[in-house]
Protein backbone atom coordinates (compact mmCIF):
# COMPACT_ATOMS: atom_id res chain seq x y z
CA MET A 1 84.62 97.43 109.69
CA THR A 2 84.21 99.31 106.57
CA THR A 3 81.23 101.93 106.78
CA PRO A 4 79.58 103.09 103.59
CA LEU A 5 81.27 106.50 103.77
CA ASP A 6 84.79 104.64 104.01
CA ALA A 7 83.54 102.82 100.78
CA ARG A 8 82.50 105.79 98.83
CA ARG A 9 85.75 107.37 99.88
CA ARG A 10 87.81 104.32 98.44
CA ARG A 11 85.78 104.85 95.11
CA LEU A 12 86.15 108.40 94.80
CA HIS A 13 89.75 108.31 95.57
CA PHE A 14 89.92 105.61 92.95
CA ARG A 15 88.03 107.75 90.49
CA ALA A 16 90.32 110.74 91.16
CA TRP A 17 93.23 108.92 89.99
CA HIS A 18 91.98 106.93 87.16
CA ARG A 19 90.91 109.80 84.75
CA GLY A 20 92.57 108.98 81.65
CA THR A 21 95.19 111.33 81.04
CA LYS A 22 97.98 111.78 83.34
CA GLU A 23 97.49 115.57 83.91
CA ALA A 24 93.79 115.04 85.08
CA ASP A 25 95.14 112.02 87.17
CA ILE A 26 97.77 114.37 88.91
CA MET A 27 95.35 117.49 89.35
CA ILE A 28 92.42 115.83 90.51
CA GLY A 29 94.10 112.69 92.17
CA SER A 30 96.52 115.21 94.13
CA PHE A 31 93.27 117.46 94.88
CA THR A 32 91.37 114.64 96.56
CA ASP A 33 94.57 113.08 98.25
CA ARG A 34 94.79 116.53 100.16
CA TYR A 35 91.49 117.13 100.98
CA LEU A 36 89.13 113.70 101.19
CA ALA A 37 89.83 112.88 104.64
CA GLY A 38 87.96 116.09 105.66
CA TRP A 39 85.20 116.23 103.32
CA SER A 40 81.65 115.68 104.93
CA ASP A 41 79.12 113.27 103.07
CA ALA A 42 77.80 116.19 101.46
CA GLU A 43 81.11 117.23 99.91
CA ILE A 44 82.04 113.57 99.04
CA ALA A 45 78.51 113.78 97.03
CA TRP A 46 79.67 116.92 95.13
CA MET A 47 82.57 115.43 94.29
CA GLU A 48 81.33 112.27 93.10
CA ALA A 49 79.14 114.34 90.83
CA PHE A 50 81.54 116.69 89.83
CA LEU A 51 83.96 113.60 88.56
CA GLU A 52 80.91 113.03 86.19
CA GLU A 53 82.16 115.93 84.18
CA ASP A 54 84.79 116.00 81.53
CA ASP A 55 88.24 115.95 82.26
CA VAL A 56 89.65 118.90 79.56
CA GLU A 57 86.58 120.84 81.29
CA ILE A 58 87.47 120.35 84.90
CA MET A 59 91.01 121.01 84.32
CA ALA A 60 89.96 124.18 82.37
CA TRP A 61 87.86 125.57 85.34
CA ALA A 62 90.52 124.65 87.74
CA ILE A 63 93.19 126.83 85.82
CA GLY A 64 90.98 129.40 84.92
CA THR A 65 90.58 129.30 81.09
CA VAL A 66 86.98 128.54 81.52
CA GLU A 67 84.10 129.80 83.80
CA ALA A 68 82.91 126.56 85.46
CA PRO A 69 78.81 126.53 85.52
CA GLU A 70 76.94 127.68 88.22
CA ARG A 71 76.17 124.52 89.61
CA TRP A 72 79.70 123.84 90.35
CA HIS A 73 80.50 127.02 92.29
CA GLY A 74 81.19 127.01 95.78
CA GLU A 75 84.04 126.25 98.30
CA LEU A 76 85.37 123.07 96.64
CA LEU A 77 85.83 124.60 93.12
CA ASN A 78 87.66 127.70 94.82
CA THR A 79 89.89 125.25 96.78
CA LEU A 80 90.36 123.27 93.57
CA LYS A 81 91.42 126.59 91.42
CA ARG A 82 93.97 127.29 94.18
CA LEU A 83 96.30 124.38 92.92
CA ASP A 84 98.12 124.80 96.16
CA PHE A 85 97.89 120.89 96.65
CA MET A 86 99.96 119.64 93.96
CA VAL A 87 103.42 118.29 94.24
CA ALA A 88 105.79 118.76 91.11
CA PRO A 89 106.81 114.86 90.05
CA GLU A 90 110.45 114.56 90.87
């Protein structure tokens, strides 16, 4: 039986891997793959809202070329900024 939280996780996984550019897919999709299973309902809600932002902005915030708006500051953004979840394609 599928729970509403499971359905949200599946939708979030799909959205993370279908951003529109390969670079964003890899960065955001890999981040989601690494951490999604352990996220709480609140963290999933944060990520759902975060993915409404433009990919270029998300990537700039992650690599530190632009400061993210205060509303996104917190543990999940800090984890995304570490970029330790990405594996280089072979």
